[in-house]
Amino acid sequence: MSEAKPYYERHVFFCCNQRSDGRASCEDHGAAELRDYCKKQVKQLGLAAAGQVRVNMAGCLDRCEQGPVAVVYPEGVWYRYQNKADVDEIVEKHLRGGEPVARLRI
């Protein structure tokens, strides 16, 4: 039996959780805005299609204390990013070029 090819080459989940109990949350650092920015960049580069890249918002990924965080599958590479420049680097190097960004990995 052959292994099925994934629907997306890479699937990115941005934690956009906002906790109400005072604990650190990814949304404390503008995670939703940066997820929207990443999605826009992926679309502008022509990477947002079946068989390519999908960018999604996620609830709590249970790493908010390191946040904001995102994870790229199928590689399972976790990132801590801080700004649009970090997102640009993830998009260009990992999502487009296939090479994880070592300096942002957690």
N, C-alpha and C. Protein backbone atom coordinates (compact mmCIF):
# COMPACT_ATOMS: atom_id res chain seq x y z
N MET A 1 0.84 -1.17 0.00
CA MET A 1 0.00 0.00 0.00
C MET A 1 0.89 1.24 0.00
N SER A 2 0.65 2.17 -0.90
CA SER A 2 1.46 3.38 -0.98
C SER A 2 0.95 4.43 0.01
N GLU A 3 1.88 5.24 0.49
CA GLU A 3 1.53 6.29 1.42
C GLU A 3 0.90 7.45 0.67
N ALA A 4 -0.21 7.95 1.20
CA ALA A 4 -0.91 9.05 0.56
C ALA A 4 -0.10 10.34 0.71
N LYS A 5 -0.09 11.13 -0.33
CA LYS A 5 0.59 12.42 -0.29
C LYS A 5 -0.28 13.40 0.51
N PRO A 6 0.33 14.19 1.41
CA PRO A 6 -0.46 15.15 2.17
C PRO A 6 -1.13 16.18 1.27
N TYR A 7 -2.27 16.69 1.71
CA TYR A 7 -2.99 17.70 0.93
C TYR A 7 -2.17 18.97 0.80
N TYR A 8 -1.45 19.33 1.87
CA TYR A 8 -0.55 20.49 1.84
C TYR A 8 0.88 20.02 2.05
N GLU A 9 1.80 20.64 1.33
CA GLU A 9 3.22 20.34 1.53
C GLU A 9 3.64 20.75 2.94
N ARG A 10 3.17 21.92 3.37
CA ARG A 10 3.44 22.41 4.72
C ARG A 10 2.17 23.07 5.26
N HIS A 11 1.95 22.84 6.55
CA HIS A 11 0.79 23.39 7.23
C HIS A 11 1.31 24.13 8.46
N VAL A 12 1.03 25.42 8.55
CA VAL A 12 1.55 26.26 9.63
C VAL A 12 0.41 26.63 10.57
N PHE A 13 0.63 26.40 11.85
CA PHE A 13 -0.35 26.76 12.87
C PHE A 13 0.25 27.82 13.78
N PHE A 14 -0.42 28.97 13.86
CA PHE A 14 -0.03 30.06 14.75
C PHE A 14 -0.92 30.00 15.98
N CYS A 15 -0.31 29.86 17.15
CA CYS A 15 -1.09 29.93 18.38
C CYS A 15 -1.56 31.37 18.53
N CYS A 16 -2.87 31.56 18.65
CA CYS A 16 -3.45 32.88 18.83
C CYS A 16 -4.28 32.92 20.11
N ASN A 17 -3.89 32.10 21.06
CA ASN A 17 -4.61 31.97 22.31
C ASN A 17 -4.50 33.23 23.17
N GLN A 18 -5.62 33.56 23.82
CA GLN A 18 -5.64 34.65 24.80
C GLN A 18 -6.20 34.07 26.09
N ARG A 19 -5.32 33.86 27.06
CA ARG A 19 -5.75 33.32 28.36
C ARG A 19 -6.38 34.43 29.19
N SER A 20 -7.35 34.05 30.01
CA SER A 20 -8.05 35.03 30.85
C SER A 20 -7.61 34.96 32.30
N ASP A 21 -6.65 34.09 32.61
CA ASP A 21 -6.24 33.91 34.01
C ASP A 21 -4.93 34.60 34.36
N GLY A 22 -4.43 35.45 33.47
CA GLY A 22 -3.21 36.19 33.75
C GLY A 22 -1.92 35.52 33.31
N ARG A 23 -2.00 34.26 32.90
CA ARG A 23 -0.80 33.57 32.41
C ARG A 23 -0.45 34.09 31.02
N ALA A 24 0.83 33.92 30.65
CA ALA A 24 1.30 34.36 29.32
C ALA A 24 0.45 33.74 28.22
N SER A 25 0.20 34.55 27.19
CA SER A 25 -0.57 34.11 26.02
C SER A 25 0.12 34.59 24.77
N CYS A 26 0.04 33.81 23.72
CA CYS A 26 0.62 34.24 22.44
C CYS A 26 -0.03 35.52 21.93
N GLU A 27 -1.32 35.66 22.16
CA GLU A 27 -2.01 36.86 21.67
C GLU A 27 -1.56 38.11 22.40
N ASP A 28 -0.91 37.97 23.56
CA ASP A 28 -0.33 39.13 24.25
C ASP A 28 0.72 39.82 23.37
N HIS A 29 1.23 39.09 22.38
CA HIS A 29 2.30 39.59 21.51
C HIS A 29 1.83 39.82 20.07
N GLY A 30 0.52 39.92 19.87
CA GLY A 30 -0.01 40.21 18.54
C GLY A 30 0.03 39.03 17.58
N ALA A 31 -0.15 37.82 18.11
CA ALA A 31 -0.05 36.62 17.28
C ALA A 31 -1.05 36.59 16.12
N ALA A 32 -2.28 37.00 16.35
CA ALA A 32 -3.29 36.95 15.28
C ALA A 32 -2.92 37.89 14.14
N GLU A 33 -2.43 39.08 14.48
CA GLU A 33 -2.02 40.04 13.45
C GLU A 33 -0.84 39.47 12.63
N LEU A 34 0.10 38.84 13.30
CA LEU A 34 1.25 38.27 12.58
C LEU A 34 0.86 37.02 11.78
N ARG A 35 -0.12 36.28 12.25
CA ARG A 35 -0.64 35.15 11.46
C ARG A 35 -1.29 35.68 10.19
N ASP A 36 -2.08 36.74 10.31
CA ASP A 36 -2.71 37.35 9.13
C ASP A 36 -1.64 37.83 8.15
N TYR A 37 -0.58 38.42 8.68
CA TYR A 37 0.52 38.89 7.84
C TYR A 37 1.18 37.72 7.11
N CYS A 38 1.42 36.62 7.82
CA CYS A 38 2.03 35.44 7.20
C CYS A 38 1.14 34.90 6.08
N LYS A 39 -0.14 34.81 6.36
CA LYS A 39 -1.09 34.31 5.36
C LYS A 39 -1.06 35.18 4.10
N LYS A 40 -1.00 36.49 4.30
CA LYS A 40 -0.94 37.43 3.17
C LYS A 40 0.34 37.22 2.36
N GLN A 41 1.46 37.07 3.05
CA GLN A 41 2.74 36.87 2.37
C GLN A 41 2.73 35.57 1.56
N VAL A 42 2.21 34.51 2.14
CA VAL A 42 2.14 33.22 1.46
C VAL A 42 1.29 33.33 0.20
N LYS A 43 0.18 34.02 0.30
CA LYS A 43 -0.69 34.23 -0.88
C LYS A 43 0.01 35.05 -1.95
N GLN A 44 0.67 36.14 -1.55
CA GLN A 44 1.36 37.00 -2.51
C GLN A 44 2.47 36.26 -3.25
N LEU A 45 3.09 35.30 -2.59
CA LEU A 45 4.16 34.52 -3.22
C LEU A 45 3.63 33.36 -4.06
N GLY A 46 2.31 33.18 -4.09
CA GLY A 46 1.71 32.11 -4.87
C GLY A 46 1.89 30.73 -4.24
N LEU A 47 2.07 30.70 -2.92
CA LEU A 47 2.29 29.43 -2.23
C LEU A 47 1.01 28.86 -1.62
N ALA A 48 -0.08 29.61 -1.64
CA ALA A 48 -1.31 29.22 -0.96
C ALA A 48 -2.25 28.48 -1.90
N ALA A 49 -1.97 27.22 -2.14
CA ALA A 49 -2.82 26.41 -3.00
C ALA A 49 -2.75 24.96 -2.54
N ALA A 50 -3.70 24.17 -2.99
CA ALA A 50 -3.66 22.75 -2.66
C ALA A 50 -2.30 22.18 -3.05
N GLY A 51 -1.73 21.41 -2.17
CA GLY A 51 -0.43 20.82 -2.44
C GLY A 51 0.73 21.72 -2.06
N GLN A 52 0.43 22.93 -1.56
CA GLN A 52 1.49 23.87 -1.20
C GLN A 52 1.44 24.19 0.29
N VAL A 53 1.14 25.43 0.64
CA VAL A 53 1.22 25.87 2.04
C VAL A 53 -0.14 26.37 2.52
N ARG A 54 -0.48 26.01 3.74
CA ARG A 54 -1.70 26.50 4.40
C ARG A 54 -1.29 27.12 5.73
N VAL A 55 -1.79 28.32 6.01
CA VAL A 55 -1.53 29.02 7.27
C VAL A 55 -2.83 29.10 8.05
N ASN A 56 -2.82 28.59 9.28
CA ASN A 56 -4.02 28.57 10.11
C ASN A 56 -3.78 29.15 11.49
N MET A 57 -4.86 29.64 12.07
CA MET A 57 -4.88 30.07 13.45
C MET A 57 -5.18 28.84 14.30
N ALA A 58 -4.51 28.74 15.44
CA ALA A 58 -4.78 27.64 16.36
C ALA A 58 -5.13 28.22 17.72
N GLY A 59 -5.83 27.43 18.49
CA GLY A 59 -6.02 27.77 19.89
C GLY A 59 -4.72 27.48 20.61
N CYS A 60 -4.79 27.27 21.88
CA CYS A 60 -3.59 27.08 22.69
C CYS A 60 -2.80 25.85 22.23
N LEU A 61 -1.52 26.07 21.94
CA LEU A 61 -0.61 24.98 21.59
C LEU A 61 0.25 24.59 22.79
N ASP A 62 -0.07 25.16 23.95
CA ASP A 62 0.54 24.83 25.25
C ASP A 62 2.01 25.20 25.34
N ARG A 63 2.42 26.23 24.60
CA ARG A 63 3.78 26.75 24.70
C ARG A 63 3.77 28.27 24.78
N CYS A 64 2.67 28.83 25.26
CA CYS A 64 2.49 30.28 25.29
C CYS A 64 3.58 30.99 26.09
N GLU A 65 4.14 30.34 27.09
CA GLU A 65 5.18 30.98 27.88
C GLU A 65 6.43 31.26 27.05
N GLN A 66 6.55 30.61 25.89
CA GLN A 66 7.66 30.85 24.97
C GLN A 66 7.23 31.73 23.81
N GLY A 67 6.02 32.19 23.83
CA GLY A 67 5.38 32.80 22.70
C GLY A 67 5.80 34.20 22.34
N PRO A 68 5.28 34.59 21.18
CA PRO A 68 4.32 33.85 20.38
C PRO A 68 4.99 32.70 19.62
N VAL A 69 4.23 31.64 19.42
CA VAL A 69 4.77 30.45 18.77
C VAL A 69 3.94 30.04 17.57
N ALA A 70 4.62 29.34 16.67
CA ALA A 70 3.98 28.71 15.51
C ALA A 70 4.68 27.38 15.29
N VAL A 71 3.98 26.46 14.65
CA VAL A 71 4.57 25.16 14.33
C VAL A 71 4.27 24.83 12.87
N VAL A 72 5.28 24.28 12.19
CA VAL A 72 5.15 23.91 10.78
C VAL A 72 5.17 22.40 10.66
N TYR A 73 4.12 21.86 10.06
CA TYR A 73 4.05 20.42 9.79
C TYR A 73 4.14 20.18 8.30
N PRO A 74 4.67 19.05 7.84
CA PRO A 74 4.85 17.82 8.59
C PRO A 74 6.16 17.74 9.37
N GLU A 75 7.04 18.71 9.24
CA GLU A 75 8.34 18.62 9.90
C GLU A 75 8.25 18.71 11.42
N GLY A 76 7.20 19.35 11.95
CA GLY A 76 7.07 19.52 13.38
C GLY A 76 8.08 20.53 13.92
N VAL A 77 8.39 21.56 13.14
CA VAL A 77 9.35 22.59 13.55
C VAL A 77 8.59 23.69 14.28
N TRP A 78 9.00 23.95 15.52
CA TRP A 78 8.40 24.99 16.35
C TRP A 78 9.24 26.25 16.27
N TYR A 79 8.53 27.38 16.18
CA TYR A 79 9.19 28.68 16.11
C TYR A 79 8.66 29.63 17.18
N ARG A 80 9.56 30.49 17.64
CA ARG A 80 9.21 31.68 18.41
C ARG A 80 9.60 32.85 17.52
N TYR A 81 8.66 33.69 17.24
CA TYR A 81 8.88 34.85 16.36
C TYR A 81 8.47 36.09 17.12
N GLN A 82 8.93 37.27 16.68
CA GLN A 82 8.59 38.49 17.39
C GLN A 82 7.99 39.57 16.50
N ASN A 83 8.24 39.50 15.20
CA ASN A 83 7.83 40.61 14.34
C ASN A 83 7.68 40.14 12.89
N LYS A 84 7.33 41.07 12.02
CA LYS A 84 7.13 40.74 10.61
C LYS A 84 8.41 40.24 9.95
N ALA A 85 9.55 40.79 10.36
CA ALA A 85 10.83 40.34 9.78
C ALA A 85 11.07 38.86 10.08
N ASP A 86 10.73 38.43 11.29
CA ASP A 86 10.86 37.01 11.63
C ASP A 86 9.92 36.16 10.79
N VAL A 87 8.68 36.63 10.63
CA VAL A 87 7.70 35.90 9.80
C VAL A 87 8.19 35.84 8.36
N ASP A 88 8.71 36.95 7.84
CA ASP A 88 9.25 36.95 6.48
C ASP A 88 10.35 35.90 6.32
N GLU A 89 11.20 35.79 7.31
CA GLU A 89 12.30 34.82 7.24
C GLU A 89 11.77 33.39 7.24
N ILE A 90 10.77 33.12 8.06
CA ILE A 90 10.15 31.78 8.08
C ILE A 90 9.52 31.48 6.73
N VAL A 91 8.79 32.45 6.18
CA VAL A 91 8.13 32.25 4.88
C VAL A 91 9.16 31.98 3.79
N GLU A 92 10.16 32.84 3.72
CA GLU A 92 11.15 32.72 2.63
C GLU A 92 12.02 31.47 2.77
N LYS A 93 12.57 31.26 3.93
CA LYS A 93 13.52 30.16 4.09
C LYS A 93 12.85 28.81 4.26
N HIS A 94 11.83 28.73 5.11
CA HIS A 94 11.24 27.42 5.39
C HIS A 94 10.08 27.08 4.46
N LEU A 95 9.10 27.97 4.39
CA LEU A 95 7.91 27.64 3.59
C LEU A 95 8.20 27.65 2.10
N ARG A 96 9.03 28.55 1.66
CA ARG A 96 9.37 28.62 0.24
C ARG A 96 10.59 27.77 -0.10
N GLY A 97 11.62 27.83 0.75
CA GLY A 97 12.88 27.18 0.44
C GLY A 97 13.10 25.81 1.07
N GLY A 98 12.25 25.44 2.04
CA GLY A 98 12.36 24.11 2.64
C GLY A 98 13.42 24.00 3.74
N GLU A 99 14.01 25.12 4.13
CA GLU A 99 15.06 25.09 5.16
C GLU A 99 14.57 25.77 6.43
N PRO A 100 14.43 25.02 7.55
CA PRO A 100 14.00 25.64 8.80
C PRO A 100 14.96 26.76 9.22
N VAL A 101 14.43 27.75 9.92
CA VAL A 101 15.19 28.91 10.39
C VAL A 101 15.72 28.60 11.78
N ALA A 102 17.00 28.24 11.86
CA ALA A 102 17.60 27.76 13.11
C ALA A 102 17.48 28.79 14.23
N ARG A 103 17.69 30.05 13.95
CA ARG A 103 17.72 31.05 15.02
C ARG A 103 16.35 31.28 15.69
N LEU A 104 15.27 30.88 15.02
CA LEU A 104 13.93 31.08 15.59
C LEU A 104 13.33 29.79 16.16
N ARG A 105 14.02 28.68 16.04
CA ARG A 105 13.49 27.41 16.52
C ARG A 105 13.47 27.33 18.04
N ILE A 106 12.47 26.67 18.54
CA ILE A 106 12.41 26.37 19.97
C ILE A 106 12.29 24.87 20.15
